[in-house]
């Protein structure tokens, strides 16, 4: 395999993976939006029939569905940005001669491809989420906080924890993340 073929195969594989992930997330976001629209139609139908919808249940369902759709869109954008940065590093390495010819040793692939660090990061992220969730739930029991407030705090926890990729949890001390 020539250097050019090797480089093309790496870029083509990464492009195909990025495209597949983007399509998957796009479909998930569309499903989430469809479910939001179905929920809206259901509420309108109930109102038209003179029924009173359960506002708390509708609000909770909408919050969760819309959050899911937003997270899909945000993750799609983050993955596209990460892939773009990785592709630029590959091309820069090729232009400067670092990591070329025949291998891209000097260019780290996107974090999603670093399985060991990703697995460690996922475990550490889960530990952080569990520890903070337990603190929230314990404090809520002690202060007799309403369930909706606990749900909001837990949603905020999961949103903030998911702002960072699993890989970013792999090299930071857990005490720094809590």
Protein backbone atom coordinates (compact mmCIF):
# COMPACT_ATOMS: atom_id res chain seq x y z
CA UNK A 1 0.00 0.00 0.00
CA UNK A 2 1.41 3.38 -0.94
CA UNK A 3 1.59 6.29 1.49
CA UNK A 4 -1.19 8.09 -0.37
CA UNK A 5 -3.42 4.99 -0.30
CA UNK A 6 -2.74 4.54 3.41
CA UNK A 7 -3.63 8.14 4.14
CA UNK A 8 -6.73 7.98 1.96
CA UNK A 9 -7.91 4.82 3.71
CA UNK A 10 -7.54 6.39 7.15
CA UNK A 11 -9.40 9.52 6.10
CA UNK A 12 -12.10 7.53 4.27
CA UNK A 13 -12.68 5.31 7.30
CA UNK A 14 -12.95 8.32 9.60
CA UNK A 15 -15.28 10.10 7.16
CA UNK A 16 -17.54 7.03 6.94
CA UNK A 17 -17.66 6.69 10.73
CA UNK A 18 -18.43 10.40 11.20
CA UNK A 19 -21.16 10.22 8.56
CA UNK A 20 -22.71 7.12 10.16
CA UNK A 21 -22.65 8.69 13.63
CA UNK A 22 -24.14 11.92 12.29
CA UNK A 23 -26.96 10.07 10.53
CA UNK A 24 -27.69 8.04 13.66
CA UNK A 25 -27.87 11.14 15.86
CA UNK A 26 -29.96 12.98 13.27
CA UNK A 27 -32.48 10.14 13.29
CA UNK A 28 -32.60 10.09 17.09
CA UNK A 29 -33.20 13.85 17.15
CA UNK A 30 -36.00 13.46 14.59
CA UNK A 31 -37.61 10.71 16.66
CA UNK A 32 -37.41 12.94 19.74
CA UNK A 33 -39.02 15.83 17.88
CA UNK A 34 -41.74 13.52 16.54
CA UNK A 35 -42.51 12.37 20.08
CA UNK A 36 -42.68 16.02 21.24
CA UNK A 37 -45.16 16.74 18.45
CA UNK A 38 -47.21 13.67 19.38
CA UNK A 39 -47.28 14.85 22.99
CA UNK A 40 -48.45 18.29 21.82
CA UNK A 41 -51.19 16.72 19.67
CA UNK A 42 -52.30 14.56 22.58
CA UNK A 43 -52.60 17.59 24.89
CA UNK A 44 -54.52 19.55 22.25
CA UNK A 45 -56.87 16.60 21.71
CA UNK A 46 -57.50 16.35 25.45
CA UNK A 47 -58.22 20.06 25.65
CA UNK A 48 -60.57 19.89 22.65
CA UNK A 49 -62.49 17.10 24.38
CA UNK A 50 -62.85 19.22 27.50
CA UNK A 51 -60.42 17.11 29.48
CA UNK A 52 -57.70 18.56 31.66
CA UNK A 53 -54.30 17.04 30.93
CA UNK A 54 -52.03 16.13 33.82
CA UNK A 55 -49.81 19.22 33.63
CA UNK A 56 -47.03 17.75 35.78
CA UNK A 57 -46.84 14.56 33.71
CA UNK A 58 -46.98 16.47 30.42
CA UNK A 59 -44.33 18.91 31.62
CA UNK A 60 -42.02 16.11 32.75
CA UNK A 61 -42.50 14.16 29.52
CA UNK A 62 -41.87 17.26 27.41
CA UNK A 63 -38.79 18.18 29.43
CA UNK A 64 -37.30 14.73 28.98
CA UNK A 65 -38.18 14.42 25.29
CA UNK A 66 -36.94 17.88 24.35
CA UNK A 67 -33.78 17.39 26.40
CA UNK A 68 -33.09 14.17 24.52
CA UNK A 69 -33.55 15.88 21.16
CA UNK A 70 -31.32 18.81 22.20
CA UNK A 71 -28.61 16.45 23.42
CA UNK A 72 -28.66 14.59 20.10
CA UNK A 73 -28.23 17.82 18.17
CA UNK A 74 -25.47 19.02 20.51
CA UNK A 75 -23.64 15.69 20.34
CA UNK A 76 -23.93 15.65 16.56
CA UNK A 77 -22.33 19.10 16.44
CA UNK A 78 -19.61 18.14 18.93
CA UNK A 79 -18.71 14.98 17.01
CA UNK A 80 -18.59 16.89 13.74
CA UNK A 81 -16.33 19.51 15.33
CA UNK A 82 -14.05 16.87 16.85
CA UNK A 83 -13.83 15.03 13.55
CA UNK A 84 -13.01 18.28 11.76
CA UNK A 85 -10.21 19.05 14.23
CA UNK A 86 -8.79 15.52 13.89
CA UNK A 87 -8.93 15.73 10.09
CA UNK A 88 -7.09 19.06 10.18
CA UNK A 89 -4.37 17.56 12.43
CA UNK A 90 -3.97 14.66 10.01
CA UNK A 91 -3.69 16.96 7.03
CA UNK A 92 -1.29 19.29 8.88
CA UNK A 93 0.87 16.30 9.85
CA UNK A 94 0.95 15.22 6.23
CA UNK A 95 1.93 18.71 5.05
CA UNK A 96 4.69 19.07 7.64
CA UNK A 97 5.93 15.51 7.31
CA UNK A 98 5.24 14.57 10.94
CA UNK A 99 3.67 11.15 11.11
CA UNK A 100 4.28 10.62 7.41
CA UNK A 101 4.97 8.57 5.35
CA UNK A 102 3.33 5.28 6.09
CA UNK A 103 1.91 6.04 9.50
CA UNK A 104 0.23 8.78 11.44
CA UNK A 105 2.06 8.14 14.69
CA UNK A 106 2.28 11.82 15.54
CA UNK A 107 -1.43 12.37 15.13
CA UNK A 108 -3.79 11.17 17.81
CA UNK A 109 -7.14 9.96 16.49
CA UNK A 110 -10.35 11.35 17.96
CA UNK A 111 -11.01 10.49 21.57
CA UNK A 112 -13.88 8.22 20.55
CA UNK A 113 -11.34 5.88 18.98
CA UNK A 114 -9.13 5.61 22.09
CA UNK A 115 -10.92 2.61 23.62
CA UNK A 116 -8.90 2.24 26.85
CA UNK A 117 -9.10 5.91 27.81
CA UNK A 118 -12.73 6.03 26.74
CA UNK A 119 -13.61 3.05 28.93
CA UNK A 120 -11.74 4.51 31.91
CA UNK A 121 -13.40 7.87 31.33
CA UNK A 122 -16.86 6.27 31.12
CA UNK A 123 -16.31 4.45 34.41
CA UNK A 124 -15.00 7.58 36.14
CA UNK A 125 -17.88 9.64 34.71
CA UNK A 126 -20.38 7.10 36.09
CA UNK A 127 -18.67 7.26 39.51
CA UNK A 128 -18.91 11.06 39.52
CA UNK A 129 -22.57 10.99 38.44
CA UNK A 130 -23.46 8.40 41.08
CA UNK A 131 -21.62 10.23 43.87
CA UNK A 132 -23.22 13.58 43.09
CA UNK A 133 -26.67 12.03 42.57
CA UNK A 134 -26.42 10.34 45.98
CA UNK A 135 -25.50 13.68 47.57
CA UNK A 136 -28.45 15.39 45.88
CA UNK A 137 -30.87 12.67 46.96
CA UNK A 138 -29.51 12.62 50.54
CA UNK A 139 -29.77 16.40 50.85
CA UNK A 140 -33.28 16.29 49.35
CA UNK A 141 -34.41 13.72 51.93
CA UNK A 142 -32.92 15.76 54.79
CA UNK A 143 -34.47 19.01 53.60
CA UNK A 144 -37.71 17.37 52.40
CA UNK A 145 -37.32 19.02 48.99
CA UNK A 146 -40.16 18.50 46.49
CA UNK A 147 -39.66 15.70 43.98
CA UNK A 148 -39.76 18.16 41.08
CA UNK A 149 -36.77 20.03 42.55
CA UNK A 150 -34.83 16.79 42.95
CA UNK A 151 -35.67 15.84 39.36
CA UNK A 152 -34.48 19.26 38.15
CA UNK A 153 -31.21 18.97 40.08
CA UNK A 154 -30.58 15.47 38.75
CA UNK A 155 -31.34 16.64 35.20
CA UNK A 156 -28.85 19.49 35.67
CA UNK A 157 -26.27 17.01 36.97
CA UNK A 158 -26.65 14.73 33.97
CA UNK A 159 -26.61 17.68 31.55
CA UNK A 160 -23.42 19.06 33.04
CA UNK A 161 -21.76 15.67 33.26
CA UNK A 162 -22.62 14.99 29.62
CA UNK A 163 -21.17 18.31 28.48
CA UNK A 164 -17.80 16.58 28.55
CA UNK A 165 -16.83 13.51 26.59
CA UNK A 166 -16.00 10.34 28.52
CA UNK A 167 -12.40 10.69 27.43
CA UNK A 168 -12.12 13.98 29.33
CA UNK A 169 -12.88 12.13 32.58
CA UNK A 170 -10.01 9.68 32.06
CA UNK A 171 -7.16 11.90 33.23
CA UNK A 172 -8.64 14.25 35.82
CA UNK A 173 -8.88 13.44 39.53
CA UNK A 174 -12.41 12.51 40.56
CA UNK A 175 -12.30 14.99 43.46
CA UNK A 176 -11.74 17.76 40.91
CA UNK A 177 -14.85 16.75 38.96
CA UNK A 178 -17.29 16.49 41.89
